Amino acid sequence: MPRLIELRIQALLYCLLLILGGFTFCRTSLAEDSRRPNIVMIISDDQTYRDFGFMGNRQIKTPQIDQLAAQSARFVNGYLPTSVCSPSLATLLTGLYPHQSGIHYNHPPPGNSAFNRMTSRKEYEQTRSPAFQLIQSVDTLPRLLAAHGYRCLQTGKFWEGHYRNAGFTEGMTIFEPVPGQTFGGNRKLANGTLAAHGNGDWGLKIGRETMQPIYDFVKDCEKESTPWLVWYAPYLPHQPHDSPQKYFDLYRDQPGVKKNEIAYYASCTEFDDTVGDLVRFVEKEANVKNTLFLFVIDNGWTPGERPMQPRENYHHTKASKRSPFEDGLRSPILIRWDGVTQPATLTELVSSIDVVPTLLNAAGLKKEAQRLPGVNLLPAAEGKEALPADRAVYGAIFPGDASSLKHPERDVAHRWVRQGNLKLITSHNANAQGKTWNNYTRGDVLYDVVKDPGETNNLIDDPQFKVPQQTLRELLNQWWNPES
């Protein structure tokens, strides 16, 4: 009998230890989860890298982003792997280059004009939808974060159909037309039927009409003590540059502001105000020391001289959006994580390919980050490690329409690599007249982009650059050789 009592006591003690151990494990896990930072991704849409106060533009008014920059690690020599919306945003979702993800286009086959000629919304959606399998088949940032307890909200620009395709748990873009929305997000088919354009539909209301979906989401997550990700990619300062009059008035008759800059600058400042609203809201409603803010542009956009029909709007320069040149490919990258990152200006070359591995590392998902081609920027942002001064950054330029899926080599028009001061741009898939898509260059070109930021002095035939040119060519082929 005493032995039976002893056994029962041992069993009870064992169960108690299991319960206490489980409680300790759960408490530890919860503590670890609580240390996972909230993440705010702020993505400007069509803005040239230098058009911020903190980047040296003295005419433009961007006080909110300038304040964010003052509190951030500022990577001022950032690059984008391509210079148009959809593939650039796909890199921010996947951490992959466009040729790796397969999303190197704005419009999958048969292309934008062919979509517009369709007369059935069902036909259009069925034709476009197979391309969504590309984003569905990869481990995106929101998909990985959601698997580790995050809630992830999509707002604004998004080219991958329904927000769930990319792994967001909640979102605004649903691949449905938006009746009455005139600034974007819809396409009119040949018979007048309205369909989703493909670039964000309902999500494009964020920033232009409302910020409430973000506010409601953050409040709900904070109420549940759940880590969260906000993808804030408004259709700003993207055209149409149709900001309220007060923004236009800021630039009327201002010294140094050209006529073709007024509407664009007005949209930049409107966007800037929304960034300030968002940051202040998060500072008030969430634990800002457990929140990481990351800012980047999707691609550059510089106003040209050719006017457009909307009020004071102008077409962009050929050397900016879609091009292999600096005005299309550059972006500062800002990282603010109070108490972790150090406000400082960092001049080493970085790329938006580094964004996803950086955020995964911040969330404790180091193994997942190691599978990606980019590097973790946090050690540099924290002031702990310097990035290599000889790092090379890479990218490629493709037409807006893809001729086929999963064959980027068929469409690539240019590849480019920068290391140090030198940038090599190679040409591909030229026609019988030797012209590549959009005719940006005739053959390969080489520039010293520090001495020649406008890329006007081609050094490709200069004998003193023969060796560095060959080095860049070898680096580029090691990165991706579409002809191999």
Protein backbone atom coordinates (compact mmCIF):
# COMPACT_ATOMS: atom_id res chain seq x y z
CA MET A 1 0.00 0.00 0.00
CA PRO A 2 2.71 2.56 0.85
CA ARG A 3 4.41 1.63 -2.41
CA LEU A 4 1.18 2.34 -4.31
CA ILE A 5 0.87 5.71 -2.56
CA GLU A 6 4.50 6.47 -3.39
CA LEU A 7 3.91 5.61 -7.06
CA ARG A 8 0.82 7.81 -7.15
CA ILE A 9 2.76 10.68 -5.58
CA GLN A 10 5.57 10.25 -8.14
CA ALA A 11 3.01 10.23 -10.94
CA LEU A 12 1.39 13.39 -9.62
CA LEU A 13 4.78 15.07 -9.29
CA TYR A 14 5.69 14.05 -12.82
CA CYS A 15 2.43 15.45 -14.18
CA LEU A 16 2.98 18.63 -12.20
CA LEU A 17 6.47 18.97 -13.66
CA LEU A 18 5.07 18.47 -17.16
CA ILE A 19 2.44 21.14 -16.55
CA LEU A 20 4.99 23.57 -15.11
CA GLY A 21 7.44 22.77 -17.89
CA GLY A 22 4.77 23.30 -20.50
CA PHE A 23 3.81 26.59 -18.87
CA THR A 24 7.45 27.67 -18.85
CA PHE A 25 7.82 26.67 -22.49
CA CYS A 26 4.66 28.51 -23.47
CA ARG A 27 5.69 31.55 -21.47
CA THR A 28 9.12 31.50 -23.12
CA SER A 29 7.57 31.09 -26.56
CA LEU A 30 5.20 33.95 -25.93
CA ALA A 31 8.08 36.09 -24.72
CA GLU A 32 10.01 35.25 -27.86
CA ASP A 33 6.97 36.04 -30.00
CA SER A 34 6.49 39.33 -28.18
CA ARG A 35 10.00 40.31 -29.22
CA ARG A 36 9.17 39.84 -32.88
CA PRO A 37 8.83 43.38 -34.19
CA ASN A 38 5.83 44.79 -35.93
CA ILE A 39 6.79 45.83 -39.47
CA VAL A 40 5.63 48.84 -41.47
CA MET A 41 6.69 48.73 -45.13
CA ILE A 42 6.27 52.15 -46.76
CA ILE A 43 6.65 52.02 -50.54
CA SER A 44 6.62 55.13 -52.71
CA ASP A 45 5.20 54.63 -56.20
CA ASP A 46 7.03 56.42 -59.06
CA GLN A 47 9.39 58.86 -57.34
CA THR A 48 12.96 59.75 -58.26
CA TYR A 49 15.53 58.87 -55.62
CA ARG A 50 16.74 62.45 -55.14
CA ASP A 51 13.29 64.00 -54.70
CA PHE A 52 13.30 64.22 -50.91
CA GLY A 53 14.66 66.91 -48.65
CA PHE A 54 17.05 64.47 -46.98
CA MET A 55 18.41 63.46 -50.40
CA GLY A 56 19.29 67.05 -51.26
CA ASN A 57 16.26 68.44 -53.11
CA ARG A 58 15.75 71.91 -51.66
CA GLN A 59 12.56 72.71 -53.59
CA ILE A 60 10.43 69.69 -52.71
CA LYS A 61 8.59 69.54 -49.39
CA THR A 62 8.84 66.12 -47.72
CA PRO A 63 9.10 66.96 -44.00
CA GLN A 64 7.49 63.73 -42.77
CA ILE A 65 9.79 61.38 -44.70
CA ASP A 66 12.71 63.65 -43.81
CA GLN A 67 11.82 63.17 -40.14
CA LEU A 68 11.63 59.41 -40.63
CA ALA A 69 15.03 59.57 -42.34
CA ALA A 70 16.49 61.51 -39.40
CA GLN A 71 15.47 58.62 -37.13
CA SER A 72 16.68 55.91 -39.51
CA ALA A 73 19.71 54.17 -40.85
CA ARG A 74 19.84 55.83 -44.27
CA PHE A 75 21.14 53.69 -47.14
CA VAL A 76 21.42 56.48 -49.71
CA ASN A 77 22.99 54.39 -52.50
CA GLY A 78 20.19 51.91 -52.84
CA TYR A 79 19.21 50.25 -56.11
CA LEU A 80 16.19 48.40 -57.46
CA PRO A 81 16.62 45.28 -59.60
CA THR A 82 14.30 46.76 -62.23
CA SER A 83 12.58 50.08 -62.91
CA VAL A 84 8.88 49.33 -63.25
CA CYS A 85 6.16 48.60 -60.72
CA SER A 86 5.09 44.95 -60.79
CA PRO A 87 8.48 43.17 -60.86
CA SER A 88 9.99 45.65 -58.40
CA LEU A 89 7.13 45.06 -55.95
CA ALA A 90 7.43 41.30 -56.50
CA THR A 91 11.05 41.53 -55.30
CA LEU A 92 9.81 43.22 -52.12
CA LEU A 93 7.41 40.32 -51.62
CA THR A 94 9.67 37.40 -52.52
CA GLY A 95 13.26 38.54 -51.98
CA LEU A 96 14.00 37.22 -55.49
CA TYR A 97 15.20 38.90 -58.66
CA PRO A 98 12.56 39.15 -61.42
CA HIS A 99 14.22 36.44 -63.50
CA GLN A 100 14.15 34.14 -60.45
CA SER A 101 10.52 34.68 -59.45
CA GLY A 102 9.38 34.79 -63.09
CA ILE A 103 7.55 38.06 -62.40
CA HIS A 104 9.49 40.34 -64.74
CA TYR A 105 6.53 42.14 -66.33
CA ASN A 106 3.56 44.33 -65.56
CA HIS A 107 1.25 42.28 -67.76
CA PRO A 108 1.46 38.54 -68.49
CA PRO A 109 0.68 37.17 -71.96
CA PRO A 110 -1.01 38.21 -74.19
CA GLY A 111 -0.26 41.72 -72.84
CA ASN A 112 -2.02 44.93 -71.86
CA SER A 113 -3.44 45.91 -75.26
CA ALA A 114 -4.73 42.39 -75.89
CA PHE A 115 -6.43 42.42 -72.50
CA ASN A 116 -8.16 45.68 -73.41
CA ARG A 117 -9.46 44.16 -76.65
CA MET A 118 -11.29 41.41 -74.80
CA THR A 119 -15.06 41.67 -74.47
CA SER A 120 -15.66 39.37 -71.53
CA ARG A 121 -14.54 39.95 -67.96
CA LYS A 122 -14.54 36.18 -67.46
CA GLU A 123 -12.19 35.70 -70.41
CA TYR A 124 -9.89 38.44 -69.12
CA GLU A 125 -9.73 37.04 -65.59
CA GLN A 126 -9.23 33.47 -66.78
CA THR A 127 -6.44 34.57 -69.13
CA ARG A 128 -4.62 36.65 -66.53
CA SER A 129 -5.05 34.31 -63.56
CA PRO A 130 -2.50 31.58 -64.52
CA ALA A 131 0.29 34.11 -63.88
CA PHE A 132 -0.78 34.30 -60.24
CA GLN A 133 0.60 30.78 -59.76
CA LEU A 134 4.09 32.31 -59.76
CA ILE A 135 3.51 34.24 -56.53
CA GLN A 136 1.45 31.39 -55.05
CA SER A 137 4.34 28.98 -55.44
CA VAL A 138 7.04 30.86 -53.50
CA ASP A 139 7.72 31.62 -49.84
CA THR A 140 6.81 35.29 -49.75
CA LEU A 141 7.54 37.59 -46.82
CA PRO A 142 3.89 37.72 -45.65
CA ARG A 143 3.48 33.96 -46.09
CA LEU A 144 6.53 33.21 -43.95
CA LEU A 145 5.59 35.76 -41.30
CA ALA A 146 2.01 34.48 -41.14
CA ALA A 147 3.33 30.97 -40.57
CA HIS A 148 5.07 32.33 -37.47
CA GLY A 149 2.14 34.09 -35.90
CA TYR A 150 2.00 37.41 -37.75
CA ARG A 151 -1.07 39.03 -39.19
CA CYS A 152 -0.19 40.65 -42.52
CA LEU A 153 -2.18 43.43 -44.19
CA GLN A 154 -1.93 44.36 -47.87
CA THR A 155 -2.93 47.85 -48.97
CA GLY A 156 -2.24 49.85 -52.12
CA LYS A 157 -0.33 48.70 -55.18
CA PHE A 158 -0.43 44.94 -55.75
CA TRP A 159 -0.26 43.11 -59.09
CA GLU A 160 -0.84 39.51 -58.03
CA GLY A 161 -4.65 39.24 -58.07
CA HIS A 162 -6.27 38.62 -54.69
CA TYR A 163 -4.13 39.60 -51.70
CA ARG A 164 -4.21 35.99 -50.44
CA ASN A 165 -2.15 34.89 -53.46
CA ALA A 166 0.95 36.42 -51.85
CA GLY A 167 0.19 35.08 -48.37
CA PHE A 168 -1.32 38.17 -46.76
CA THR A 169 -3.82 37.27 -44.06
CA GLU A 170 -5.87 40.40 -44.71
CA GLY A 171 -5.97 42.96 -47.50
CA MET A 172 -7.76 45.37 -49.78
CA THR A 173 -6.94 44.15 -53.30
CA ILE A 174 -9.36 41.45 -54.44
CA PHE A 175 -9.05 41.50 -58.27
CA GLU A 176 -12.47 43.09 -58.64
CA PRO A 177 -13.36 46.32 -60.50
CA VAL A 178 -14.11 49.45 -58.47
CA PRO A 179 -17.19 51.31 -59.78
CA GLY A 180 -16.65 55.06 -59.92
CA GLN A 181 -12.91 54.98 -59.17
CA THR A 182 -11.31 57.24 -61.76
CA PHE A 183 -7.66 57.51 -60.71
CA GLY A 184 -6.68 53.90 -61.37
CA GLY A 185 -7.32 50.27 -60.60
CA ASN A 186 -9.88 49.64 -63.35
CA ARG A 187 -9.70 48.69 -67.01
CA LYS A 188 -12.49 49.10 -69.55
CA LEU A 189 -12.78 46.17 -71.95
CA ALA A 190 -13.64 46.64 -75.63
CA ASN A 191 -17.39 46.35 -75.00
CA GLY A 192 -17.33 48.78 -72.09
CA THR A 193 -17.29 46.13 -69.38
CA LEU A 194 -15.36 47.15 -66.28
CA ALA A 195 -12.66 44.81 -64.94
CA ALA A 196 -9.81 45.07 -62.46
CA HIS A 197 -6.79 46.64 -64.12
CA GLY A 198 -4.44 44.29 -62.32
CA ASN A 199 -2.45 46.82 -60.29
CA GLY A 200 -4.43 47.02 -57.06
CA ASP A 201 -8.14 47.80 -57.66
CA TRP A 202 -9.78 48.48 -54.23
CA GLY A 203 -6.38 48.66 -52.57
CA LEU A 204 -5.56 51.88 -54.42
CA LYS A 205 -7.98 53.78 -52.18
CA ILE A 206 -5.38 53.71 -49.41
CA GLY A 207 -3.65 57.05 -49.00
CA ARG A 208 -5.76 58.76 -51.68
CA GLU A 209 -9.13 58.33 -49.96
CA THR A 210 -8.58 56.69 -46.59
CA MET A 211 -6.10 55.28 -44.07
CA GLN A 212 -8.77 53.62 -41.96
CA PRO A 213 -8.15 49.98 -42.98
CA ILE A 214 -4.60 50.26 -41.62
CA TYR A 215 -5.75 51.98 -38.43
CA ASP A 216 -8.42 49.34 -37.76
CA PHE A 217 -5.98 46.51 -38.47
CA VAL A 218 -3.24 47.84 -36.18
CA LYS A 219 -5.66 48.50 -33.33
CA ASP A 220 -7.07 44.99 -33.60
CA CYS A 221 -3.62 43.39 -33.68
CA GLU A 222 -2.51 45.45 -30.68
CA LYS A 223 -5.64 44.43 -28.81
CA GLU A 224 -4.73 40.77 -29.40
CA SER A 225 -0.99 41.33 -28.79
CA THR A 226 -0.30 39.83 -32.21
CA PRO A 227 2.77 40.83 -34.24
CA TRP A 228 1.81 42.44 -37.53
CA LEU A 229 3.02 43.55 -40.95
CA VAL A 230 1.56 46.48 -42.87
CA TRP A 231 2.27 46.75 -46.61
CA TYR A 232 1.60 50.45 -47.33
CA ALA A 233 2.12 50.91 -51.07
CA PRO A 234 -0.26 53.72 -52.06
CA TYR A 235 -0.82 54.85 -55.62
CA LEU A 236 1.20 57.95 -54.77
CA PRO A 237 2.88 59.96 -56.12
CA HIS A 238 1.95 57.89 -59.18
CA GLN A 239 -0.04 59.63 -61.90
CA PRO A 240 -2.59 61.03 -62.18
CA HIS A 241 -0.97 63.86 -60.23
CA ASP A 242 -4.35 65.11 -59.06
CA SER A 243 -3.65 66.19 -55.48
CA PRO A 244 -5.91 68.65 -53.66
CA GLN A 245 -5.31 72.28 -54.61
CA LYS A 246 -3.43 73.07 -51.39
CA TYR A 247 -0.55 70.88 -52.57
CA PHE A 248 -0.36 72.60 -55.95
CA ASP A 249 -0.34 75.95 -54.19
CA LEU A 250 2.84 75.00 -52.32
CA TYR A 251 4.78 75.08 -55.59
CA ARG A 252 3.16 77.86 -57.59
CA ASP A 253 5.57 80.65 -58.49
CA GLN A 254 8.30 79.13 -56.33
CA PRO A 255 11.93 79.86 -57.31
CA GLY A 256 13.62 76.79 -58.72
CA VAL A 257 10.38 74.86 -59.36
CA LYS A 258 9.76 74.23 -63.06
CA LYS A 259 6.31 74.16 -64.58
CA ASN A 260 6.53 70.45 -65.33
CA GLU A 261 7.46 69.70 -61.70
CA ILE A 262 4.48 71.35 -59.98
CA ALA A 263 1.91 68.53 -60.22
CA TYR A 264 4.51 65.83 -59.50
CA TYR A 265 5.91 67.67 -56.48
CA ALA A 266 2.33 68.23 -55.24
CA SER A 267 1.70 64.45 -55.32
CA CYS A 268 5.03 63.80 -53.58
CA THR A 269 4.01 66.11 -50.73
CA GLU A 270 0.53 64.57 -50.53
CA PHE A 271 2.19 61.16 -50.18
CA ASP A 272 4.56 62.60 -47.58
CA ASP A 273 1.62 63.77 -45.47
CA THR A 274 0.13 60.26 -45.47
CA VAL A 275 3.46 58.85 -44.29
CA GLY A 276 3.43 61.30 -41.40
CA ASP A 277 -0.14 60.30 -40.51
CA LEU A 278 0.79 56.62 -40.55
CA VAL A 279 3.96 56.99 -38.47
CA ARG A 280 2.23 59.15 -35.85
CA PHE A 281 -0.64 56.68 -35.59
CA VAL A 282 1.72 53.75 -35.04
CA GLU A 283 3.72 55.74 -32.48
CA LYS A 284 0.50 56.37 -30.58
CA GLU A 285 -1.23 53.00 -30.86
CA ALA A 286 1.66 50.50 -30.83
CA ASN A 287 4.93 49.91 -29.02
CA VAL A 288 7.20 51.94 -31.27
CA LYS A 289 10.32 50.32 -29.79
CA ASN A 290 8.99 47.02 -31.06
CA THR A 291 8.15 48.35 -34.53
CA LEU A 292 10.42 48.42 -37.55
CA PHE A 293 9.73 50.99 -40.27
CA LEU A 294 11.22 50.37 -43.71
CA PHE A 295 10.95 52.87 -46.57
CA VAL A 296 11.78 52.25 -50.24
CA ILE A 297 10.63 53.33 -53.72
CA ASP A 298 9.31 50.85 -56.29
CA ASN A 299 10.89 52.70 -59.22
CA GLY A 300 12.02 56.16 -60.21
CA TRP A 301 9.98 58.72 -62.14
CA THR A 302 11.18 62.09 -63.45
CA PRO A 303 8.82 64.59 -65.14
CA GLY A 304 9.67 65.31 -68.77
CA GLU A 305 8.79 68.13 -71.11
CA ARG A 306 5.82 66.57 -72.93
CA PRO A 307 2.47 67.59 -71.39
CA MET A 308 -0.44 65.21 -70.74
CA GLN A 309 -4.19 65.75 -70.68
CA PRO A 310 -4.67 65.73 -66.86
CA ARG A 311 -4.15 69.06 -65.10
CA GLU A 312 -0.49 70.07 -65.37
CA ASN A 313 0.67 66.47 -65.75
CA TYR A 314 3.67 65.54 -67.91
CA HIS A 315 5.02 62.33 -69.35
CA HIS A 316 8.09 60.98 -67.58
CA THR A 317 11.53 61.22 -69.09
CA LYS A 318 12.77 58.29 -71.12
CA ALA A 319 15.76 57.98 -68.77
CA SER A 320 13.65 57.34 -65.66
CA LYS A 321 10.82 54.82 -65.26
CA ARG A 322 11.37 51.56 -67.21
CA SER A 323 14.95 52.48 -68.15
CA PRO A 324 18.32 50.99 -67.15
CA PHE A 325 19.49 54.42 -65.94
CA GLU A 326 19.93 55.91 -62.49
CA ASP A 327 16.68 57.91 -62.44
CA GLY A 328 14.73 54.69 -62.85
CA LEU A 329 16.81 52.32 -60.72
CA ARG A 330 17.87 54.24 -57.61
CA SER A 331 16.11 54.40 -54.25
CA PRO A 332 17.14 55.30 -50.73
CA ILE A 333 16.31 52.60 -48.19
CA LEU A 334 15.43 53.74 -44.65
CA ILE A 335 15.31 51.44 -41.63
CA ARG A 336 14.04 52.78 -38.31
CA TRP A 337 13.81 50.47 -35.29
CA ASP A 338 14.09 52.59 -32.17
CA GLY A 339 16.64 51.26 -29.72
CA VAL A 340 18.07 48.85 -32.31
CA THR A 341 19.13 50.75 -35.44
CA GLN A 342 21.33 53.83 -35.37
CA PRO A 343 20.44 57.03 -37.27
CA ALA A 344 23.30 57.43 -39.73
CA THR A 345 24.02 57.90 -43.43
CA LEU A 346 25.48 54.76 -45.02
CA THR A 347 26.98 55.06 -48.49
CA GLU A 348 27.73 51.45 -49.43
CA LEU A 349 25.78 49.95 -52.33
CA VAL A 350 22.61 48.13 -51.31
CA SER A 351 19.55 46.85 -53.15
CA SER A 352 15.86 46.25 -52.55
CA ILE A 353 16.78 42.57 -52.95
CA ASP A 354 18.05 43.00 -49.36
CA VAL A 355 14.68 44.06 -47.94
CA VAL A 356 13.08 40.63 -47.44
CA PRO A 357 16.13 38.95 -45.84
CA THR A 358 16.54 41.98 -43.58
CA LEU A 359 12.93 41.82 -42.39
CA LEU A 360 13.06 38.03 -41.98
CA ASN A 361 16.15 38.39 -39.80
CA ALA A 362 14.39 41.05 -37.74
CA ALA A 363 11.53 38.60 -37.19
CA GLY A 364 13.93 35.85 -36.13
CA LEU A 365 13.58 33.80 -39.33
CA LYS A 366 17.27 33.54 -40.09
CA LYS A 367 17.18 30.17 -41.85
CA GLU A 368 14.53 31.39 -44.26
CA ALA A 369 16.54 34.55 -44.93
CA GLN A 370 19.70 32.58 -45.73
CA ARG A 371 18.03 30.99 -48.75
CA LEU A 372 17.68 34.35 -50.49
CA PRO A 373 20.21 36.19 -52.67
CA GLY A 374 20.09 39.46 -50.72
CA VAL A 375 21.96 40.37 -47.56
CA ASN A 376 20.80 41.28 -44.07
CA LEU A 377 21.16 45.05 -43.65
CA LEU A 378 20.47 45.03 -39.89
CA PRO A 379 24.10 44.72 -38.69
CA ALA A 380 25.00 47.78 -40.75
CA ALA A 381 21.85 49.60 -39.64
CA GLU A 382 22.72 48.83 -36.02
CA GLY A 383 26.23 50.21 -36.48
CA LYS A 384 27.78 46.82 -35.72
CA GLU A 385 29.20 45.90 -39.13
CA ALA A 386 30.14 47.76 -42.29
CA LEU A 387 28.90 46.46 -45.60
CA PRO A 388 31.66 45.49 -48.07
CA ALA A 389 32.87 48.49 -50.03
CA ASP A 390 33.36 46.37 -53.17
CA ARG A 391 29.88 44.90 -53.24
CA ALA A 392 28.24 44.71 -56.67
CA VAL A 393 24.51 45.23 -57.24
CA TYR A 394 22.56 43.88 -60.20
CA GLY A 395 19.37 44.12 -62.19
CA ALA A 396 17.65 43.71 -65.53
CA ILE A 397 15.15 45.58 -67.70
CA PHE A 398 12.20 43.89 -69.38
CA PRO A 399 9.28 45.08 -71.53
CA GLY A 400 6.01 45.80 -69.72
CA ASP A 401 4.33 42.84 -71.46
CA ALA A 402 5.71 39.32 -71.18
CA SER A 403 5.78 37.22 -74.35
CA SER A 404 5.59 34.03 -72.27
CA LEU A 405 5.70 32.88 -68.67
CA LYS A 406 8.80 31.34 -67.06
CA HIS A 407 11.12 32.45 -69.87
CA PRO A 408 12.68 35.77 -68.83
CA GLU A 409 15.60 35.19 -71.19
CA ARG A 410 13.25 35.67 -74.14
CA ASP A 411 12.24 39.17 -73.08
CA VAL A 412 15.21 40.70 -71.27
CA ALA A 413 16.32 43.94 -72.95
CA HIS A 414 19.17 44.92 -70.62
CA ARG A 415 21.17 43.65 -67.69
CA TRP A 416 23.21 45.96 -65.52
CA VAL A 417 25.78 45.78 -62.74
CA ARG A 418 27.38 48.46 -60.60
CA GLN A 419 30.52 47.98 -58.54
CA GLY A 420 32.31 50.98 -57.11
CA ASN A 421 31.84 53.96 -59.42
CA LEU A 422 31.36 51.93 -62.60
CA LYS A 423 28.10 50.67 -64.05
CA LEU A 424 27.91 48.34 -67.05
CA ILE A 425 24.67 47.97 -69.03
CA THR A 426 24.43 45.14 -71.56
CA SER A 427 21.87 44.82 -74.36
CA HIS A 428 19.85 41.74 -75.33
CA ASN A 429 17.22 40.57 -77.81
CA ALA A 430 17.87 43.34 -80.33
CA ASN A 431 15.82 43.43 -83.52
CA ALA A 432 17.16 43.32 -87.07
CA GLN A 433 17.97 47.03 -86.85
CA GLY A 434 20.04 46.50 -83.71
CA LYS A 435 17.44 48.13 -81.44
CA THR A 436 16.50 46.66 -78.10
CA TRP A 437 13.12 47.26 -76.46
CA ASN A 438 12.48 51.01 -76.10
CA ASN A 439 15.85 51.70 -77.76
CA TYR A 440 17.60 52.86 -74.59
CA THR A 441 21.10 52.05 -75.85
CA ARG A 442 22.78 50.84 -78.99
CA GLY A 443 24.88 47.98 -77.69
CA ASP A 444 26.62 47.83 -74.32
CA VAL A 445 27.52 50.95 -72.36
CA LEU A 446 29.78 51.76 -69.41
CA TYR A 447 29.50 54.78 -67.13
CA ASP A 448 31.23 56.27 -64.12
CA VAL A 449 28.00 57.15 -62.33
CA VAL A 450 29.74 59.15 -59.60
CA LYS A 451 31.49 61.53 -62.00
CA ASP A 452 28.71 61.22 -64.60
CA PRO A 453 25.36 60.64 -62.81
CA GLY A 454 23.47 61.62 -65.97
CA GLU A 455 25.15 58.71 -67.81
CA THR A 456 26.13 60.72 -70.88
CA ASN A 457 29.82 59.75 -71.27
CA ASN A 458 30.05 56.17 -72.54
CA LEU A 459 33.41 54.62 -71.56
CA ILE A 460 32.85 51.27 -73.26
CA ASP A 461 35.62 51.85 -75.86
CA ASP A 462 38.04 53.63 -73.55
CA PRO A 463 41.19 51.41 -73.27
CA GLN A 464 41.86 52.35 -69.66
CA PHE A 465 38.52 50.73 -68.67
CA LYS A 466 39.09 47.46 -70.54
CA VAL A 467 40.03 45.46 -67.45
CA PRO A 468 37.32 46.77 -65.09
CA GLN A 469 34.80 46.32 -67.90
CA GLN A 470 35.77 42.67 -68.21
CA THR A 471 35.47 42.24 -64.43
CA LEU A 472 31.96 43.69 -64.48
CA ARG A 473 31.00 41.45 -67.39
CA GLU A 474 32.18 38.38 -65.50
CA LEU A 475 30.26 39.43 -62.40
CA LEU A 476 27.13 39.99 -64.47
CA ASN A 477 27.34 36.57 -66.08
CA GLN A 478 27.90 34.90 -62.72
CA TRP A 479 24.77 36.63 -61.48
CA TRP A 480 22.58 35.68 -64.47
CA ASN A 481 23.49 34.83 -68.03
CA PRO A 482 20.31 34.63 -70.13
CA GLU A 483 22.26 33.26 -73.06
CA SER A 484 23.81 30.29 -71.27
